[in-house]
Protein backbone atom coordinates (compact mmCIF):
# COMPACT_ATOMS: atom_id res chain seq x y z
CA MET A 1 89.08 84.07 131.42
CA ASN A 2 88.75 85.62 127.08
CA ARG A 3 91.52 86.95 127.18
CA VAL A 4 93.46 83.75 128.41
CA LEU A 5 91.72 82.02 125.52
CA ILE A 6 92.54 84.21 123.49
CA LEU A 7 96.05 84.37 124.06
CA LEU A 8 95.88 80.22 124.04
CA LEU A 9 94.64 80.17 120.49
CA MET A 10 96.98 82.70 119.27
CA PHE A 11 99.90 80.23 120.01
CA LEU A 12 98.39 76.63 119.17
CA PRO A 13 100.43 75.33 116.65
CA ILE A 14 99.12 75.49 113.30
CA ALA A 15 100.87 74.14 110.06
CA ALA A 16 102.39 76.66 108.59
CA THR A 17 101.48 76.51 104.48
CA ALA A 18 97.86 76.62 103.36
CA ASP A 19 96.34 77.49 99.92
CA ARG A 20 93.02 78.53 101.50
CA VAL A 21 91.94 78.99 104.97
CA GLU A 22 88.78 79.05 106.77
CA ILE A 23 88.60 81.30 110.33
CA ASP A 24 85.88 81.39 112.72
CA ILE A 25 85.91 85.02 113.94
CA HIS A 26 84.42 86.59 117.00
CA GLY A 27 83.34 89.75 117.66
CA MET A 28 82.12 91.34 114.17
CA SER A 29 78.84 93.01 114.44
CA CYS A 30 77.81 94.95 111.37
CA SER A 31 79.29 95.70 107.93
CA PHE A 32 81.92 98.22 108.89
CA CYS A 33 82.97 95.39 110.54
CA VAL A 34 83.40 93.27 107.85
CA GLU A 35 85.16 95.87 105.59
CA GLY A 36 87.75 97.48 108.29
CA LEU A 37 88.84 93.66 108.58
CA GLN A 38 88.87 92.92 105.00
CA ASP A 39 90.77 95.51 104.07
CA GLU A 40 93.37 94.83 106.88
CA LEU A 41 93.42 91.24 105.87
CA SER A 42 94.01 92.30 102.51
CA GLN A 43 97.10 94.38 102.94
CA LEU A 44 99.02 91.13 104.32
CA PRO A 45 101.39 90.42 101.49
CA ASP A 46 101.18 86.45 101.17
CA ILE A 47 97.17 86.98 100.72
CA GLU A 48 95.73 87.15 96.99
CA GLN A 49 91.89 87.16 98.35
CA VAL A 50 89.66 87.77 101.24
CA GLN A 51 86.07 86.89 101.81
CA ILE A 52 84.62 87.68 105.08
CA SER A 53 80.73 86.34 106.03
CA LEU A 54 78.88 88.75 108.71
CA LYS A 55 76.13 86.21 108.63
CA ASN A 56 78.57 82.71 109.59
CA LYS A 57 81.14 84.99 111.27
CA LYS A 58 83.71 83.29 108.73
CA ALA A 59 86.74 84.32 106.93
CA LEU A 60 87.91 82.72 103.71
CA ILE A 61 91.58 83.50 102.99
CA ILE A 62 93.27 82.31 99.64
CA SER A 63 97.19 82.84 99.96
CA LYS A 64 98.98 84.00 96.60
CA GLU A 65 101.78 81.42 96.27
CA GLY A 66 100.71 78.47 98.49
CA ASP A 67 102.32 79.94 102.04
CA LEU A 68 100.07 81.80 104.31
CA ASP A 69 101.71 83.06 107.94
CA LEU A 70 98.79 82.52 110.22
CA ASP A 71 100.51 83.92 113.12
CA ARG A 72 100.51 87.43 111.20
CA ILE A 73 96.75 86.92 110.09
CA LYS A 74 95.74 86.16 113.80
CA ARG A 75 97.55 89.13 114.89
CA ALA A 76 95.76 91.27 112.08
CA ILE A 77 92.67 89.85 113.41
CA VAL A 78 93.40 90.83 117.04
CA ASP A 79 95.12 94.00 116.21
CA SER A 80 91.49 95.24 114.39
CA GLY A 81 89.79 94.23 117.52
CA TYR A 82 88.27 90.57 117.03
CA THR A 83 89.10 87.02 118.17
CA PRO A 84 90.16 84.28 115.83
CA MET A 85 88.50 81.15 116.66
CA GLU A 86 89.21 77.69 114.97
CA ILE A 87 90.95 77.63 111.81
CA ARG A 88 90.68 75.41 109.04
CA HIS A 89 92.91 74.42 105.89
CA ILE A 90 90.27 73.97 102.58
CA ASP A 91 91.34 72.01 99.87
CA PRO A 92 91.40 74.02 96.94
CA PRO A 93 88.11 72.89 94.32
CA LYS A 94 88.75 70.43 91.96
CA GLY A 95 88.41 71.47 88.26
């Protein structure tokens, strides 16, 4: 059942562009999980910054030029052994 849910979540239609997204991540349990996933996501070409919270089980991802390849990000999370759950687009801070 969990594998079916994972596959369905991976292929949900999501807008392809966003400046910032927050992703709930299932399966992280230690600081090594955070470090490994942060390293993996930071290597993707369209990502400027990654902030991962083990306590909240979330990743905040900020794009370099406004376009994020969410499918590639979800694949990287799955390939790292975790499950991307809800993805929320975050408005940039006003200032």
